[in-house]
Amino acid sequence: KLFDVTGEECCDEFSGYTLVMPVVSTGNVGQLSIDLLLSLGLRNGSVCFKGSMETECLFPICGFEEFSAGRSEMVTSLDVFVLEEKRVLFLQQRSQIFPTFEERFVRGILEWSKDKRIKEILVLSGCEPSATKGKLDRTFLCYKSPDQKRNQIYERILSLGGFPVEINQVLGGGNKFPNGMGISNIFKTLVVREYDLDFVMAILPCCEGDNAPDAAFMAEKVGRCIEMIGEKENIIKWVPPLSWSYLYGSVPEENESM
């Protein structure tokens, strides 16, 4: 269930909307990319907070995030933001899934999307660069469910230079995504077998470390894909949220022993 800032259940229907969400994956590049898109939208007024998602599948957190100077937003482990003009929802995940709750979490997202009449889901993920055997490093990959004949989001990714992939050809072989893509396999399996939803993945091969450049690269591609960033906008000024100041922990005090 989705609850607004007053604590009341949000009963809005999102018929025809695109849901953009990350999976916990290599470099956390999906979460970081959505952070940048949220920061951009909250600063220019195109994005607004819709509510917090109730779930028993994630470690609970609650705090404040500063997306723009002097303006803090309360955040939880699973929040929803809306880009109403483009009929896009952002679902941001800020904590890990409890062990053994992975399928329950994915099923909950798919059930909610079906109930709200979401048109399609765009999932953002990193993957281990070794999965592409070094041939597609720093390349934006895209995947869609095999039963989808055409999908506008998928085709936009291709038009922006995305590389279309079949799992058995590039990403690790067999019928599974490679290591480093979190719950992507569960999403793929459930969508194909049980849910009539368009499912697209944007995948960026990357390494662990400072993934800010990777996040900016993915955020720009996704922002243009959902038409949040215009064709004539050649330079995007990304402003990371305050939490990015502590990606590797706080700076130790000079007199603090190591």
C-alpha atoms as a PDB file:
ATOM      1  CA  LYS A   1       0.000   0.000   0.000  1.00  0.00           C
ATOM      2  CA  LEU A   2       1.033   3.594  -0.663  1.00  0.00           C
ATOM      3  CA  PHE A   3       0.562   6.220   2.042  1.00  0.00           C
ATOM      4  CA  ASP A   4       0.797   9.994   1.511  1.00  0.00           C
ATOM      5  CA  VAL A   5       2.429  12.555   3.811  1.00  0.00           C
ATOM      6  CA  THR A   6      -0.684  12.708   6.014  1.00  0.00           C
ATOM      7  CA  GLY A   7      -0.585   8.972   6.649  1.00  0.00           C
ATOM      8  CA  GLU A   8      -3.702   8.322   4.562  1.00  0.00           C
ATOM      9  CA  GLU A   9      -3.698   5.560   1.978  1.00  0.00           C
ATOM     10  CA  CYS A  10      -3.214   6.898  -1.539  1.00  0.00           C
ATOM     11  CA  CYS A  11      -5.987   5.443  -3.689  1.00  0.00           C
ATOM     12  CA  ASP A  12      -4.993   7.202  -6.919  1.00  0.00           C
ATOM     13  CA  GLU A  13      -4.904   5.118 -10.059  1.00  0.00           C
ATOM     14  CA  PHE A  14      -1.912   5.437 -12.385  1.00  0.00           C
ATOM     15  CA  SER A  15      -3.374   4.067 -15.582  1.00  0.00           C
ATOM     16  CA  GLY A  16      -0.911   4.288 -18.448  1.00  0.00           C
ATOM     17  CA  TYR A  17       2.021   5.365 -16.260  1.00  0.00           C
ATOM     18  CA  THR A  18       5.600   4.112 -16.515  1.00  0.00           C
ATOM     19  CA  LEU A  19       7.130   2.913 -13.248  1.00  0.00           C
ATOM     20  CA  VAL A  20      10.885   3.519 -13.027  1.00  0.00           C
ATOM     21  CA  MET A  21      12.683   1.687 -10.233  1.00  0.00           C
ATOM     22  CA  PRO A  22      16.126   0.309  -9.344  1.00  0.00           C
ATOM     23  CA  VAL A  23      17.311  -3.068  -8.189  1.00  0.00           C
ATOM     24  CA  VAL A  24      20.134  -3.356  -5.675  1.00  0.00           C
ATOM     25  CA  SER A  25      22.978  -4.296  -8.003  1.00  0.00           C
ATOM     26  CA  THR A  26      26.627  -3.703  -8.856  1.00  0.00           C
ATOM     27  CA  GLY A  27      27.676  -0.213  -7.794  1.00  0.00           C
ATOM     28  CA  ASN A  28      24.125   0.647  -6.684  1.00  0.00           C
ATOM     29  CA  VAL A  29      24.034   2.497  -9.991  1.00  0.00           C
ATOM     30  CA  GLY A  30      20.238   2.183 -10.269  1.00  0.00           C
ATOM     31  CA  GLN A  31      19.555   3.892  -6.931  1.00  0.00           C
ATOM     32  CA  LEU A  32      22.150   6.576  -7.588  1.00  0.00           C
ATOM     33  CA  SER A  33      20.664   7.334 -11.021  1.00  0.00           C
ATOM     34  CA  ILE A  34      17.181   7.755  -9.583  1.00  0.00           C
ATOM     35  CA  ASP A  35      18.621  10.026  -6.875  1.00  0.00           C
ATOM     36  CA  LEU A  36      19.954  12.329  -9.604  1.00  0.00           C
ATOM     37  CA  LEU A  37      16.658  12.326 -11.514  1.00  0.00           C
ATOM     38  CA  LEU A  38      14.704  13.059  -8.330  1.00  0.00           C
ATOM     39  CA  SER A  39      17.076  15.861  -7.410  1.00  0.00           C
ATOM     40  CA  LEU A  40      16.695  17.390 -10.868  1.00  0.00           C
ATOM     41  CA  GLY A  41      12.898  17.125 -10.818  1.00  0.00           C
ATOM     42  CA  LEU A  42      12.419  18.352  -7.253  1.00  0.00           C
ATOM     43  CA  ARG A  43      14.613  21.375  -7.945  1.00  0.00           C
ATOM     44  CA  ASN A  44      12.790  22.431 -11.127  1.00  0.00           C
ATOM     45  CA  GLY A  45       9.344  21.532  -9.792  1.00  0.00           C
ATOM     46  CA  SER A  46       8.492  18.815 -12.305  1.00  0.00           C
ATOM     47  CA  VAL A  47       8.622  16.005  -9.711  1.00  0.00           C
ATOM     48  CA  CYS A  48       6.778  15.799  -6.411  1.00  0.00           C
ATOM     49  CA  PHE A  49       6.658  13.330  -3.542  1.00  0.00           C
ATOM     50  CA  LYS A  50       3.660  11.008  -3.727  1.00  0.00           C
ATOM     51  CA  GLY A  51       4.016   8.760  -0.711  1.00  0.00           C
ATOM     52  CA  SER A  52       5.796   5.950   1.097  1.00  0.00           C
ATOM     53  CA  MET A  53       5.202   2.320   0.256  1.00  0.00           C
ATOM     54  CA  GLU A  54       4.324  -0.045   3.076  1.00  0.00           C
ATOM     55  CA  THR A  55       6.339  -3.262   2.908  1.00  0.00           C
ATOM     56  CA  GLU A  56       7.497  -5.915   5.326  1.00  0.00           C
ATOM     57  CA  CYS A  57      10.204  -7.074   2.924  1.00  0.00           C
ATOM     58  CA  LEU A  58      12.778  -4.305   3.450  1.00  0.00           C
ATOM     59  CA  PHE A  59      14.862  -3.251   6.406  1.00  0.00           C
ATOM     60  CA  PRO A  60      12.951  -0.235   7.794  1.00  0.00           C
ATOM     61  CA  ILE A  61      14.595   3.186   7.705  1.00  0.00           C
ATOM     62  CA  CYS A  62      13.364   6.750   8.151  1.00  0.00           C
ATOM     63  CA  GLY A  63      15.237  10.011   7.880  1.00  0.00           C
ATOM     64  CA  PHE A  64      15.628  13.209   5.896  1.00  0.00           C
ATOM     65  CA  GLU A  65      17.290  13.805   2.549  1.00  0.00           C
ATOM     66  CA  GLU A  66      18.264  17.184   1.138  1.00  0.00           C
ATOM     67  CA  PHE A  67      17.806  17.189  -2.640  1.00  0.00           C
ATOM     68  CA  SER A  68      18.252  20.959  -2.916  1.00  0.00           C
ATOM     69  CA  ALA A  69      19.820  23.511  -0.605  1.00  0.00           C
ATOM     70  CA  GLY A  70      17.637  24.309   2.377  1.00  0.00           C
ATOM     71  CA  ARG A  71      14.867  21.875   1.461  1.00  0.00           C
ATOM     72  CA  SER A  72      14.695  18.508   3.200  1.00  0.00           C
ATOM     73  CA  GLU A  73      12.415  15.629   2.287  1.00  0.00           C
ATOM     74  CA  MET A  74      11.469  12.835   4.663  1.00  0.00           C
ATOM     75  CA  VAL A  75      12.444   9.497   3.157  1.00  0.00           C
ATOM     76  CA  THR A  76      11.811   5.867   4.041  1.00  0.00           C
ATOM     77  CA  SER A  77      12.990   2.519   2.719  1.00  0.00           C
ATOM     78  CA  LEU A  78      10.573   2.690  -0.253  1.00  0.00           C
ATOM     79  CA  ASP A  79       9.217   5.981  -1.600  1.00  0.00           C
ATOM     80  CA  VAL A  80       7.199   7.004  -4.646  1.00  0.00           C
ATOM     81  CA  PHE A  81       7.633  10.259  -6.582  1.00  0.00           C
ATOM     82  CA  VAL A  82       5.599  11.373  -9.579  1.00  0.00           C
ATOM     83  CA  LEU A  83       6.529  13.181 -12.788  1.00  0.00           C
ATOM     84  CA  GLU A  84       2.931  13.896 -13.683  1.00  0.00           C
ATOM     85  CA  GLU A  85       3.512  15.735 -16.952  1.00  0.00           C
ATOM     86  CA  LYS A  86       5.185  12.664 -18.466  1.00  0.00           C
ATOM     87  CA  ARG A  87       3.059  10.079 -16.617  1.00  0.00           C
ATOM     88  CA  VAL A  88       6.059   8.593 -14.831  1.00  0.00           C
ATOM     89  CA  LEU A  89       6.404   7.224 -11.304  1.00  0.00           C
ATOM     90  CA  PHE A  90       9.763   6.829  -9.593  1.00  0.00           C
ATOM     91  CA  LEU A  91      10.055   4.141  -6.946  1.00  0.00           C
ATOM     92  CA  GLN A  92      13.211   4.624  -4.879  1.00  0.00           C
ATOM     93  CA  GLN A  93      14.513   1.812  -2.686  1.00  0.00           C
ATOM     94  CA  ARG A  94      16.909   2.788   0.111  1.00  0.00           C
ATOM     95  CA  SER A  95      17.406  -0.399   2.097  1.00  0.00           C
ATOM     96  CA  GLN A  96      18.071  -4.063   1.486  1.00  0.00           C
ATOM     97  CA  ILE A  97      15.527  -6.836   1.187  1.00  0.00           C
ATOM     98  CA  PHE A  98      15.326  -9.259   4.084  1.00  0.00           C
ATOM     99  CA  PRO A  99      16.895 -12.631   3.211  1.00  0.00           C
ATOM    100  CA  THR A 100      14.347 -15.056   1.652  1.00  0.00           C
ATOM    101  CA  PHE A 101      11.872 -12.178   1.044  1.00  0.00           C
ATOM    102  CA  GLU A 102      13.056 -11.424  -2.488  1.00  0.00           C
ATOM    103  CA  GLU A 103      10.200 -13.071  -4.373  1.00  0.00           C
ATOM    104  CA  ARG A 104       7.600 -11.684  -1.986  1.00  0.00           C
ATOM    105  CA  PHE A 105       8.974  -8.181  -2.562  1.00  0.00           C
ATOM    106  CA  VAL A 106       8.932  -8.492  -6.359  1.00  0.00           C
ATOM    107  CA  ARG A 107       5.468 -10.011  -6.350  1.00  0.00           C
ATOM    108  CA  GLY A 108       4.237  -7.157  -4.164  1.00  0.00           C
ATOM    109  CA  ILE A 109       5.570  -4.562  -6.626  1.00  0.00           C
ATOM    110  CA  LEU A 110       3.988  -6.377  -9.571  1.00  0.00           C
ATOM    111  CA  GLU A 111       0.643  -6.810  -7.812  1.00  0.00           C
ATOM    112  CA  TRP A 112       0.567  -3.116  -6.871  1.00  0.00           C
ATOM    113  CA  SER A 113       1.488  -2.137 -10.442  1.00  0.00           C
ATOM    114  CA  LYS A 114      -1.263  -4.335 -11.838  1.00  0.00           C
ATOM    115  CA  ASP A 115      -3.793  -2.961  -9.350  1.00  0.00           C
ATOM    116  CA  LYS A 116      -2.840   0.631 -10.229  1.00  0.00           C
ATOM    117  CA  ARG A 117      -2.957  -0.200 -13.952  1.00  0.00           C
ATOM    118  CA  ILE A 118       0.691   0.676 -14.547  1.00  0.00           C
ATOM    119  CA  LYS A 119       1.489   0.320 -18.245  1.00  0.00           C
ATOM    120  CA  GLU A 120       5.142  -0.694 -18.020  1.00  0.00           C
ATOM    121  CA  ILE A 121       8.041  -1.090 -15.620  1.00  0.00           C
ATOM    122  CA  LEU A 122      11.532   0.190 -16.380  1.00  0.00           C
ATOM    123  CA  VAL A 123      14.103  -1.367 -14.038  1.00  0.00           C
ATOM    124  CA  LEU A 124      17.586   0.146 -13.664  1.00  0.00           C
ATOM    125  CA  SER A 125      20.495  -2.126 -12.826  1.00  0.00           C
ATOM    126  CA  GLY A 126      24.228  -2.390 -12.878  1.00  0.00           C
ATOM    127  CA  CYS A 127      25.985  -5.611 -13.844  1.00  0.00           C
ATOM    128  CA  GLU A 128      29.486  -6.984 -13.541  1.00  0.00           C
ATOM    129  CA  PRO A 129      31.592  -5.879 -16.513  1.00  0.00           C
ATOM    130  CA  SER A 130      32.912  -9.426 -16.868  1.00  0.00           C
ATOM    131  CA  ALA A 131      29.405 -10.483 -17.945  1.00  0.00           C
ATOM    132  CA  THR A 132      29.968  -8.839 -21.327  1.00  0.00           C
ATOM    133  CA  LYS A 133      33.429 -10.403 -21.732  1.00  0.00           C
ATOM    134  CA  GLY A 134      34.938  -6.950 -22.083  1.00  0.00           C
ATOM    135  CA  LYS A 135      33.201  -6.294 -25.397  1.00  0.00           C
ATOM    136  CA  LEU A 136      30.532  -3.894 -24.176  1.00  0.00           C
ATOM    137  CA  ASP A 137      32.214  -1.988 -21.359  1.00  0.00           C
ATOM    138  CA  ARG A 138      30.707   1.458 -20.740  1.00  0.00           C
ATOM    139  CA  THR A 139      27.782   0.547 -22.965  1.00  0.00           C
ATOM    140  CA  PHE A 140      24.152   1.017 -22.079  1.00  0.00           C
ATOM    141  CA  LEU A 141      22.408  -2.343 -22.425  1.00  0.00           C
ATOM    142  CA  CYS A 142      18.667  -2.892 -22.704  1.00  0.00           C
ATOM    143  CA  TYR A 143      16.461  -5.938 -22.328  1.00  0.00           C
ATOM    144  CA  LYS A 144      12.741  -6.505 -22.734  1.00  0.00           C
ATOM    145  CA  SER A 145      10.493  -9.471 -22.128  1.00  0.00           C
ATOM    146  CA  PRO A 146      10.613 -11.776 -25.161  1.00  0.00           C
ATOM    147  CA  ASP A 147       6.827 -11.776 -25.605  1.00  0.00           C
ATOM    148  CA  GLN A 148       6.711  -7.996 -26.124  1.00  0.00           C
ATOM    149  CA  LYS A 149       6.542  -7.184 -29.805  1.00  0.00           C
ATOM    150  CA  ARG A 150       7.066  -3.433 -29.478  1.00  0.00           C
ATOM    151  CA  ASN A 151       7.744  -1.136 -26.549  1.00  0.00           C
ATOM    152  CA  GLN A 152       8.248   2.603 -26.827  1.00  0.00           C
ATOM    153  CA  ILE A 153      10.598   2.871 -23.847  1.00  0.00           C
ATOM    154  CA  TYR A 154      12.757   0.058 -25.204  1.00  0.00           C
ATOM    155  CA  GLU A 155      12.890   1.646 -28.639  1.00  0.00           C
ATOM    156  CA  ARG A 156      13.854   5.014 -27.165  1.00  0.00           C
ATOM    157  CA  ILE A 157      16.745   3.378 -25.322  1.00  0.00           C
ATOM    158  CA  LEU A 158      17.906   1.871 -28.615  1.00  0.00           C
ATOM    159  CA  SER A 159      17.646   5.266 -30.315  1.00  0.00           C
ATOM    160  CA  LEU A 160      19.895   6.739 -27.601  1.00  0.00           C
ATOM    161  CA  GLY A 161      22.626   4.232 -28.342  1.00  0.00           C
ATOM    162  CA  GLY A 162      21.496   1.357 -26.177  1.00  0.00           C
ATOM    163  CA  PHE A 163      22.636  -2.110 -27.142  1.00  0.00           C
ATOM    164  CA  PRO A 164      19.848  -4.712 -27.335  1.00  0.00           C
ATOM    165  CA  VAL A 165      20.716  -7.956 -25.619  1.00  0.00           C
ATOM    166  CA  GLU A 166      19.383 -11.450 -25.359  1.00  0.00           C
ATOM    167  CA  ILE A 167      20.304 -13.144 -22.099  1.00  0.00           C
ATOM    168  CA  ASN A 168      21.631 -16.263 -23.766  1.00  0.00           C
ATOM    169  CA  GLN A 169      23.796 -14.266 -26.190  1.00  0.00           C
ATOM    170  CA  VAL A 170      25.509 -11.669 -24.025  1.00  0.00           C
ATOM    171  CA  LEU A 171      24.557 -11.621 -20.379  1.00  0.00           C
ATOM    172  CA  GLY A 172      26.080 -14.712 -18.920  1.00  0.00           C
ATOM    173  CA  GLY A 173      24.502 -17.444 -21.039  1.00  0.00           C
ATOM    174  CA  GLY A 174      21.540 -19.660 -20.266  1.00  0.00           C
ATOM    175  CA  ASN A 175      18.245 -18.166 -19.153  1.00  0.00           C
ATOM    176  CA  LYS A 176      19.511 -16.074 -16.259  1.00  0.00           C
ATOM    177  CA  PHE A 177      21.049 -12.665 -15.802  1.00  0.00           C
ATOM    178  CA  PRO A 178      24.622 -12.700 -14.512  1.00  0.00           C
ATOM    179  CA  ASN A 179      25.779 -12.054 -10.969  1.00  0.00           C
ATOM    180  CA  GLY A 180      25.540  -8.505  -9.742  1.00  0.00           C
ATOM    181  CA  MET A 181      21.979  -7.826 -10.931  1.00  0.00           C
ATOM    182  CA  GLY A 182      20.162  -8.588  -7.706  1.00  0.00           C
ATOM    183  CA  ILE A 183      16.520  -9.608  -8.056  1.00  0.00           C
ATOM    184  CA  SER A 184      16.408  -9.072 -11.832  1.00  0.00           C
ATOM    185  CA  ASN A 185      15.949 -12.780 -12.522  1.00  0.00           C
ATOM    186  CA  ILE A 186      12.923 -12.925 -10.214  1.00  0.00           C
ATOM    187  CA  PHE A 187      11.370  -9.947 -12.001  1.00  0.00           C
ATOM    188  CA  LYS A 188      11.951 -11.525 -15.398  1.00  0.00           C
ATOM    189  CA  THR A 189      10.546 -14.902 -14.388  1.00  0.00           C
ATOM    190  CA  LEU A 190       7.386 -13.581 -12.708  1.00  0.00           C
ATOM    191  CA  VAL A 191       6.579 -11.072 -15.446  1.00  0.00           C
ATOM    192  CA  VAL A 192       6.885 -13.698 -18.169  1.00  0.00           C
ATOM    193  CA  ARG A 193       4.935 -16.395 -16.333  1.00  0.00           C
ATOM    194  CA  GLU A 194       2.261 -14.535 -14.402  1.00  0.00           C
ATOM    195  CA  TYR A 195       1.894 -10.815 -15.146  1.00  0.00           C
ATOM    196  CA  ASP A 196       0.674  -8.980 -18.199  1.00  0.00           C
ATOM    197  CA  LEU A 197       3.034  -6.030 -17.831  1.00  0.00           C
ATOM    198  CA  ASP A 198       5.606  -4.618 -20.210  1.00  0.00           C
ATOM    199  CA  PHE A 199       8.997  -5.112 -18.591  1.00  0.00           C
ATOM    200  CA  VAL A 200      12.168  -3.346 -19.722  1.00  0.00           C
ATOM    201  CA  MET A 201      15.620  -3.274 -18.125  1.00  0.00           C
ATOM    202  CA  ALA A 202      18.322  -0.629 -18.567  1.00  0.00           C
ATOM    203  CA  ILE A 203      21.645  -2.216 -17.618  1.00  0.00           C
ATOM    204  CA  LEU A 204      25.051  -0.601 -17.179  1.00  0.00           C
ATOM    205  CA  PRO A 205      28.207  -2.722 -16.824  1.00  0.00           C
ATOM    206  CA  CYS A 206      30.255  -1.138 -14.032  1.00  0.00           C
ATOM    207  CA  CYS A 207      32.592  -1.841 -11.138  1.00  0.00           C
ATOM    208  CA  GLU A 208      32.253  -1.169  -7.433  1.00  0.00           C
ATOM    209  CA  GLY A 209      33.781   2.103  -6.223  1.00  0.00           C
ATOM    210  CA  ASP A 210      32.970   5.708  -7.078  1.00  0.00           C
ATOM    211  CA  ASN A 211      29.936   5.177  -9.310  1.00  0.00           C
ATOM    212  CA  ALA A 212      28.899   8.839  -9.560  1.00  0.00           C
ATOM    213  CA  PRO A 213      30.006   9.062 -13.235  1.00  0.00           C
ATOM    214  CA  ASP A 214      28.134   5.832 -14.020  1.00  0.00           C
ATOM    215  CA  ALA A 215      25.021   7.190 -12.299  1.00  0.00           C
ATOM    216  CA  ALA A 216      25.180  10.445 -14.270  1.00  0.00           C
ATOM    217  CA  PHE A 217      25.573   8.477 -17.512  1.00  0.00           C
ATOM    218  CA  MET A 218      22.560   6.279 -16.756  1.00  0.00           C
ATOM    219  CA  ALA A 219      20.453   9.159 -15.399  1.00  0.00           C
ATOM    220  CA  GLU A 220      20.940  11.146 -18.596  1.00  0.00           C
ATOM    221  CA  LYS A 221      19.952   8.185 -20.794  1.00  0.00           C
ATOM    222  CA  VAL A 222      16.883   7.391 -18.682  1.00  0.00           C
ATOM    223  CA  GLY A 223      15.935  11.076 -18.370  1.00  0.00           C
ATOM    224  CA  ARG A 224      15.912  11.426 -22.143  1.00  0.00           C
ATOM    225  CA  CYS A 225      14.130   8.107 -22.554  1.00  0.00           C
ATOM    226  CA  ILE A 226      11.182   9.230 -20.383  1.00  0.00           C
ATOM    227  CA  GLU A 227      11.373  12.744 -21.916  1.00  0.00           C
ATOM    228  CA  MET A 228      12.199  14.352 -18.584  1.00  0.00           C
ATOM    229  CA  ILE A 229      15.250  15.861 -20.299  1.00  0.00           C
ATOM    230  CA  GLY A 230      14.593  17.619 -23.593  1.00  0.00           C
ATOM    231  CA  GLU A 231      16.379  16.896 -26.842  1.00  0.00           C
ATOM    232  CA  LYS A 232      17.941  20.374 -26.898  1.00  0.00           C
ATOM    233  CA  GLU A 233      19.344  20.128 -23.368  1.00  0.00           C
ATOM    234  CA  ASN A 234      22.961  19.292 -24.077  1.00  0.00           C
ATOM    235  CA  ILE A 235      24.401  20.104 -20.652  1.00  0.00           C
ATOM    236  CA  ILE A 236      22.681  18.767 -17.541  1.00  0.00           C
ATOM    237  CA  LYS A 237      23.757  20.169 -14.197  1.00  0.00           C
ATOM    238  CA  TRP A 238      23.418  17.238 -11.829  1.00  0.00           C
ATOM    239  CA  VAL A 239      23.183  18.109  -8.141  1.00  0.00           C
ATOM    240  CA  PRO A 240      23.665  15.043  -5.932  1.00  0.00           C
ATOM    241  CA  PRO A 241      21.570  14.878  -2.753  1.00  0.00           C
ATOM    242  CA  LEU A 242      23.195  15.499   0.613  1.00  0.00           C
ATOM    243  CA  SER A 243      23.572  11.797   1.406  1.00  0.00           C
ATOM    244  CA  TRP A 244      26.137  11.491  -1.386  1.00  0.00           C
ATOM    245  CA  SER A 245      28.536  13.440   0.817  1.00  0.00           C
ATOM    246  CA  TYR A 246      28.867  10.310   2.945  1.00  0.00           C
ATOM    247  CA  LEU A 247      29.026   7.510   0.374  1.00  0.00           C
ATOM    248  CA  TYR A 248      32.093   6.134   2.109  1.00  0.00           C
ATOM    249  CA  GLY A 249      31.272   7.231   5.653  1.00  0.00           C
ATOM    250  CA  SER A 250      31.901  10.554   7.368  1.00  0.00           C
ATOM    251  CA  VAL A 251      35.322  12.169   7.296  1.00  0.00           C
ATOM    252  CA  PRO A 252      37.202  11.315  10.516  1.00  0.00           C
ATOM    253  CA  GLU A 253      38.081  14.119  12.901  1.00  0.00           C
ATOM    254  CA  GLU A 254      41.740  15.128  12.975  1.00  0.00           C
ATOM    255  CA  ASN A 255      42.163  13.945  16.548  1.00  0.00           C
ATOM    256  CA  GLU A 256      40.196  10.732  16.031  1.00  0.00           C
ATOM    257  CA  SER A 257      42.308   7.610  16.295  1.00  0.00           C
ATOM    258  CA  MET A 258      42.077   5.202  13.376  1.00  0.00           C
END
